Every structure is written in C-alpha cells, then in structure tokens.
C-alpha atoms as a PDB file:
ATOM      1  CA  MET A   1      18.812 -49.932  34.144  1.00  0.00           C
ATOM      2  CA  PHE A   2      19.666 -46.628  35.968  1.00  0.00           C
ATOM      3  CA  ASN A   3      19.671 -43.381  34.129  1.00  0.00           C
ATOM      4  CA  ASN A   4      22.640 -41.343  35.381  1.00  0.00           C
ATOM      5  CA  LYS A   5      21.617 -37.718  34.944  1.00  0.00           C
ATOM      6  CA  THR A   6      24.251 -35.918  37.002  1.00  0.00           C
ATOM      7  CA  ASP A   7      25.680 -32.721  35.761  1.00  0.00           C
ATOM      8  CA  GLU A   8      29.192 -31.356  36.243  1.00  0.00           C
ATOM      9  CA  ARG A   9      28.278 -29.433  39.415  1.00  0.00           C
ATOM     10  CA  GLN A  10      26.883 -32.574  41.016  1.00  0.00           C
ATOM     11  CA  LYS A  11      29.967 -34.605  40.008  1.00  0.00           C
ATOM     12  CA  SER A  12      32.126 -31.881  41.496  1.00  0.00           C
ATOM     13  CA  GLU A  13      30.149 -31.889  44.773  1.00  0.00           C
ATOM     14  CA  TYR A  14      30.351 -35.767  44.943  1.00  0.00           C
ATOM     15  CA  SER A  15      34.058 -35.533  44.441  1.00  0.00           C
ATOM     16  CA  LYS A  16      34.411 -32.923  47.180  1.00  0.00           C
ATOM     17  CA  ILE A  17      32.422 -35.025  49.590  1.00  0.00           C
ATOM     18  CA  GLY A  18      34.457 -38.139  48.773  1.00  0.00           C
ATOM     19  CA  ASN A  19      37.693 -36.226  49.140  1.00  0.00           C
ATOM     20  CA  PHE A  20      36.754 -34.690  52.443  1.00  0.00           C
ATOM     21  CA  SER A  21      35.536 -38.060  53.770  1.00  0.00           C
ATOM     22  CA  PHE A  22      38.732 -39.743  52.747  1.00  0.00           C
ATOM     23  CA  TRP A  23      40.866 -37.200  54.500  1.00  0.00           C
ATOM     24  CA  ILE A  24      38.785 -37.438  57.706  1.00  0.00           C
ATOM     25  CA  LEU A  25      39.181 -41.170  57.626  1.00  0.00           C
ATOM     26  CA  TYR A  26      42.909 -40.962  56.922  1.00  0.00           C
ATOM     27  CA  VAL A  27      43.639 -38.459  59.645  1.00  0.00           C
ATOM     28  CA  SER A  28      41.524 -40.305  62.209  1.00  0.00           C
ATOM     29  CA  LEU A  29      43.419 -43.515  61.376  1.00  0.00           C
ATOM     30  CA  ALA A  30      46.765 -41.698  61.933  1.00  0.00           C
ATOM     31  CA  ILE A  31      45.466 -40.303  65.224  1.00  0.00           C
ATOM     32  CA  SER A  32      44.287 -43.729  66.254  1.00  0.00           C
ATOM     33  CA  ILE A  33      47.719 -45.284  65.524  1.00  0.00           C
ATOM     34  CA  LEU A  34      49.491 -42.527  67.482  1.00  0.00           C
ATOM     35  CA  VAL A  35      47.227 -42.867  70.467  1.00  0.00           C
ATOM     36  CA  GLN A  36      47.645 -46.605  70.538  1.00  0.00           C
ATOM     37  CA  LEU A  37      51.435 -46.233  70.256  1.00  0.00           C
ATOM     38  CA  THR A  38      51.487 -43.885  73.192  1.00  0.00           C
ATOM     39  CA  MET A  39      49.398 -46.365  75.214  1.00  0.00           C
ATOM     40  CA  ASN A  40      52.091 -49.006  74.743  1.00  0.00           C
ATOM     41  CA  ALA A  41      49.974 -51.132  72.416  1.00  0.00           C
ATOM     42  CA  GLN A  42      51.679 -54.268  71.049  1.00  0.00           C
ATOM     43  CA  PHE A  43      52.805 -54.002  67.424  1.00  0.00           C
ATOM     44  CA  GLN A  44      50.619 -57.004  66.492  1.00  0.00           C
ATOM     45  CA  ALA A  45      47.591 -55.176  67.822  1.00  0.00           C
ATOM     46  CA  ILE A  46      47.945 -52.231  65.458  1.00  0.00           C
ATOM     47  CA  LEU A  47      49.388 -54.091  62.532  1.00  0.00           C
ATOM     48  CA  GLY A  48      46.197 -54.011  60.491  1.00  0.00           C
ATOM     49  CA  GLU A  49      45.709 -50.299  60.989  1.00  0.00           C
ATOM     50  CA  LEU A  50      49.339 -49.630  60.163  1.00  0.00           C
ATOM     51  CA  ILE A  51      49.107 -51.602  56.953  1.00  0.00           C
ATOM     52  CA  CYS A  52      45.973 -49.721  55.917  1.00  0.00           C
ATOM     53  CA  PHE A  53      47.631 -46.391  56.752  1.00  0.00           C
ATOM     54  CA  LEU A  54      50.767 -47.269  54.817  1.00  0.00           C
ATOM     55  CA  VAL A  55      48.840 -48.528  51.763  1.00  0.00           C
ATOM     56  CA  GLY A  56      46.755 -45.359  51.795  1.00  0.00           C
ATOM     57  CA  SER A  57      49.902 -43.233  52.074  1.00  0.00           C
ATOM     58  CA  VAL A  58      51.562 -44.967  49.081  1.00  0.00           C
ATOM     59  CA  VAL A  59      48.387 -44.595  46.992  1.00  0.00           C
ATOM     60  CA  ILE A  60      48.204 -40.915  47.826  1.00  0.00           C
ATOM     61  CA  ILE A  61      51.873 -40.243  47.044  1.00  0.00           C
ATOM     62  CA  ALA A  62      51.779 -42.302  43.819  1.00  0.00           C
ATOM     63  CA  GLY A  63      48.617 -40.539  42.668  1.00  0.00           C
ATOM     64  CA  TYR A  64      50.010 -37.037  43.269  1.00  0.00           C
ATOM     65  CA  ILE A  65      53.283 -37.919  41.595  1.00  0.00           C
ATOM     66  CA  MET A  66      51.571 -39.505  38.546  1.00  0.00           C
ATOM     67  CA  LYS A  67      49.405 -36.365  38.101  1.00  0.00           C
ATOM     68  CA  GLY A  68      52.418 -34.049  38.559  1.00  0.00           C
ATOM     69  CA  MET A  69      50.771 -32.487  41.593  1.00  0.00           C
ATOM     70  CA  SER A  70      52.517 -31.152  44.682  1.00  0.00           C
ATOM     71  CA  CYS A  71      51.683 -28.616  47.380  1.00  0.00           C
ATOM     72  CA  LEU A  72      54.473 -26.445  45.997  1.00  0.00           C
ATOM     73  CA  GLU A  73      55.366 -24.985  42.591  1.00  0.00           C
ATOM     74  CA  LYS A  74      58.978 -25.924  43.238  1.00  0.00           C
ATOM     75  CA  PRO A  75      60.596 -28.269  45.802  1.00  0.00           C
ATOM     76  CA  SER A  76      61.599 -26.250  48.828  1.00  0.00           C
ATOM     77  CA  VAL A  77      64.242 -27.199  51.381  1.00  0.00           C
ATOM     78  CA  LEU A  78      62.438 -25.037  53.950  1.00  0.00           C
ATOM     79  CA  VAL A  79      59.144 -26.923  53.545  1.00  0.00           C
ATOM     80  CA  SER A  80      61.021 -30.240  53.672  1.00  0.00           C
ATOM     81  CA  LEU A  81      62.764 -29.173  56.875  1.00  0.00           C
ATOM     82  CA  ALA A  82      59.446 -27.986  58.397  1.00  0.00           C
ATOM     83  CA  CYS A  83      57.765 -31.327  57.593  1.00  0.00           C
ATOM     84  CA  GLY A  84      60.733 -33.248  58.971  1.00  0.00           C
ATOM     85  CA  PHE A  85      60.637 -31.180  62.170  1.00  0.00           C
ATOM     86  CA  ILE A  86      56.894 -31.845  62.599  1.00  0.00           C
ATOM     87  CA  GLY A  87      57.622 -35.562  62.228  1.00  0.00           C
ATOM     88  CA  PHE A  88      60.445 -35.323  64.709  1.00  0.00           C
ATOM     89  CA  VAL A  89      58.266 -33.514  67.305  1.00  0.00           C
ATOM     90  CA  LEU A  90      55.352 -35.977  66.957  1.00  0.00           C
ATOM     91  CA  ASP A  91      57.618 -38.992  67.263  1.00  0.00           C
ATOM     92  CA  PHE A  92      59.507 -37.461  70.184  1.00  0.00           C
ATOM     93  CA  ILE A  93      56.142 -36.920  72.033  1.00  0.00           C
ATOM     94  CA  VAL A  94      55.238 -40.587  71.419  1.00  0.00           C
ATOM     95  CA  VAL A  95      58.682 -41.672  72.749  1.00  0.00           C
ATOM     96  CA  ILE A  96      58.282 -39.543  75.885  1.00  0.00           C
ATOM     97  CA  ILE A  97      54.727 -40.778  76.640  1.00  0.00           C
ATOM     98  CA  ARG A  98      55.681 -44.443  76.023  1.00  0.00           C
ATOM     99  CA  THR A  99      58.753 -44.175  78.131  1.00  0.00           C
ATOM    100  CA  TYR A 100      56.918 -42.519  80.990  1.00  0.00           C
ATOM    101  CA  THR A 101      53.982 -44.944  80.943  1.00  0.00           C
ATOM    102  CA  ALA A 102      56.353 -47.937  80.739  1.00  0.00           C
ATOM    103  CA  LYS A 103      58.877 -46.933  83.343  1.00  0.00           C
ATOM    104  CA  GLY A 104      57.141 -44.274  85.384  1.00  0.00           C
ATOM    105  CA  ASN A 105      59.943 -41.758  85.052  1.00  0.00           C
ATOM    106  CA  LEU A 106      61.971 -40.047  82.352  1.00  0.00           C
ATOM    107  CA  SER A 107      65.446 -40.461  83.867  1.00  0.00           C
ATOM    108  CA  ASP A 108      66.747 -42.740  81.153  1.00  0.00           C
ATOM    109  CA  LEU A 109      65.201 -40.861  78.265  1.00  0.00           C
ATOM    110  CA  PHE A 110      68.026 -38.727  76.861  1.00  0.00           C
ATOM    111  CA  PRO A 111      70.006 -39.042  74.492  1.00  0.00           C
ATOM    112  CA  SER A 112      68.657 -42.393  73.228  1.00  0.00           C
ATOM    113  CA  ALA A 113      65.180 -40.833  72.784  1.00  0.00           C
ATOM    114  CA  LEU A 114      66.501 -38.548  70.090  1.00  0.00           C
ATOM    115  CA  ILE A 115      67.676 -41.407  67.834  1.00  0.00           C
ATOM    116  CA  ARG A 116      64.284 -42.602  66.487  1.00  0.00           C
ATOM    117  CA  PRO A 117      62.769 -39.097  66.121  1.00  0.00           C
ATOM    118  CA  GLY A 118      66.053 -38.115  64.353  1.00  0.00           C
ATOM    119  CA  LEU A 119      65.597 -40.915  61.905  1.00  0.00           C
ATOM    120  CA  VAL A 120      61.947 -39.865  61.373  1.00  0.00           C
ATOM    121  CA  PHE A 121      63.168 -36.281  60.671  1.00  0.00           C
ATOM    122  CA  VAL A 122      65.672 -37.547  58.039  1.00  0.00           C
ATOM    123  CA  LEU A 123      63.114 -39.880  56.364  1.00  0.00           C
ATOM    124  CA  VAL A 124      60.352 -37.266  56.210  1.00  0.00           C
ATOM    125  CA  PHE A 125      62.766 -34.667  54.840  1.00  0.00           C
ATOM    126  CA  ILE A 126      63.989 -37.010  52.137  1.00  0.00           C
ATOM    127  CA  LEU A 127      60.471 -38.155  51.316  1.00  0.00           C
ATOM    128  CA  ILE A 128      59.003 -34.643  50.976  1.00  0.00           C
ATOM    129  CA  TRP A 129      61.936 -33.490  48.941  1.00  0.00           C
ATOM    130  CA  PHE A 130      61.663 -36.597  46.658  1.00  0.00           C
ATOM    131  CA  ILE A 131      57.922 -36.036  46.192  1.00  0.00           C
ATOM    132  CA  GLY A 132      58.483 -32.380  45.277  1.00  0.00           C
ATOM    133  CA  VAL A 133      61.261 -33.092  42.775  1.00  0.00           C
ATOM    134  CA  THR A 134      59.428 -36.038  41.187  1.00  0.00           C
ATOM    135  CA  ALA A 135      56.109 -34.177  40.907  1.00  0.00           C
ATOM    136  CA  GLN A 136      57.880 -31.184  39.327  1.00  0.00           C
ATOM    137  CA  LYS A 137      59.552 -33.438  36.706  1.00  0.00           C
ATOM    138  CA  ARG A 138      56.204 -35.151  36.030  1.00  0.00           C
ATOM    139  CA  ARG A 139      54.481 -31.758  35.712  1.00  0.00           C
ATOM    140  CA  ILE A 140      57.084 -30.675  33.168  1.00  0.00           C
ATOM    141  CA  GLN A 141      56.497 -33.944  31.228  1.00  0.00           C
ATOM    142  CA  LEU A 142      52.791 -33.428  31.203  1.00  0.00           C
ATOM    143  CA  GLU A 143      53.080 -29.786  30.113  1.00  0.00           C
ATOM    144  CA  LYS A 144      55.336 -30.805  27.173  1.00  0.00           C
ATOM    145  CA  LYS A 145      52.872 -33.603  26.262  1.00  0.00           C
ATOM    146  CA  TYR A 146      49.757 -31.415  26.216  1.00  0.00           C
ATOM    147  CA  ASP A 147      51.362 -28.280  24.758  1.00  0.00           C
ATOM    148  CA  ASN A 148      52.165 -30.154  21.555  1.00  0.00           C
END
C-alpha cells in the first residue's frame, strides 16, 4: 500500500528525533513527580505517573544491559558514588521542602531527614554499579559471539 523509500540517513534522523523526544518526556515526567512530591501530593495522586516512570526506567536499564551498553567502558566506583550523591541531594531537597510545607519549620528535620536520602544513596550506588558490571559482562559476551 505505502512504498517506504527512506534511506539510512533518514532512518538515522528519525531515530535521533525519537530518542530526543523520549528523553524530553522521561525527564519532564521525573520533574513532574519531584514537583508533586515537594508539594505534598498524596501518593495515590501520582501513582500512575510513578508507575509509568518506573516501567520506563526498567525498560531503559534492560535495553542497555541487553545490548551491552553503558556510559562507561568499565564500572567505576567514583561514578557510582557521584550518582548516589546526586540521588541523595535530590531526595534531601524533597524531604526539606515537604517538611517545611507540612510543618512550617525545620526544627524536627535532623537526623531523621538523612535516613531516606541515605537509603536512596545506597540504592542508586548499588544500581549504577550493577548496571556497569552487567553491561560489561554482556559486552564481553557479544564481542566473543561476533568475533567468531
């Protein structure tokens, strides 16, 4: 019915547009969730967005691992620590804003406010390290497969 006469350049451009659009959507969804969390939104109110974000995250991680791709050549503790620290800071900011908007002061904030961001730090560190190690193993498997 339709004659598809796209060349490799056009396919590459379509792929770039789709990739860029996906990341814009993904980041804007993450920002939307963070803003709603800081505004003391009920968990039920953001459940649909949270599920979409988590499903998208799992698909991204699985896709990169299956293709043996990672942002690093080798897993790095420094990068894992940096990502964990970024997660800690973002979650700590959300905790501070939520506490201030709910109570009007920050007197009861410390040290309990460090527990959840600390857990986020540990989880992000482990996740980034796991992705790096798994992607490196998959990359080695693919190199062996295609070198033969």
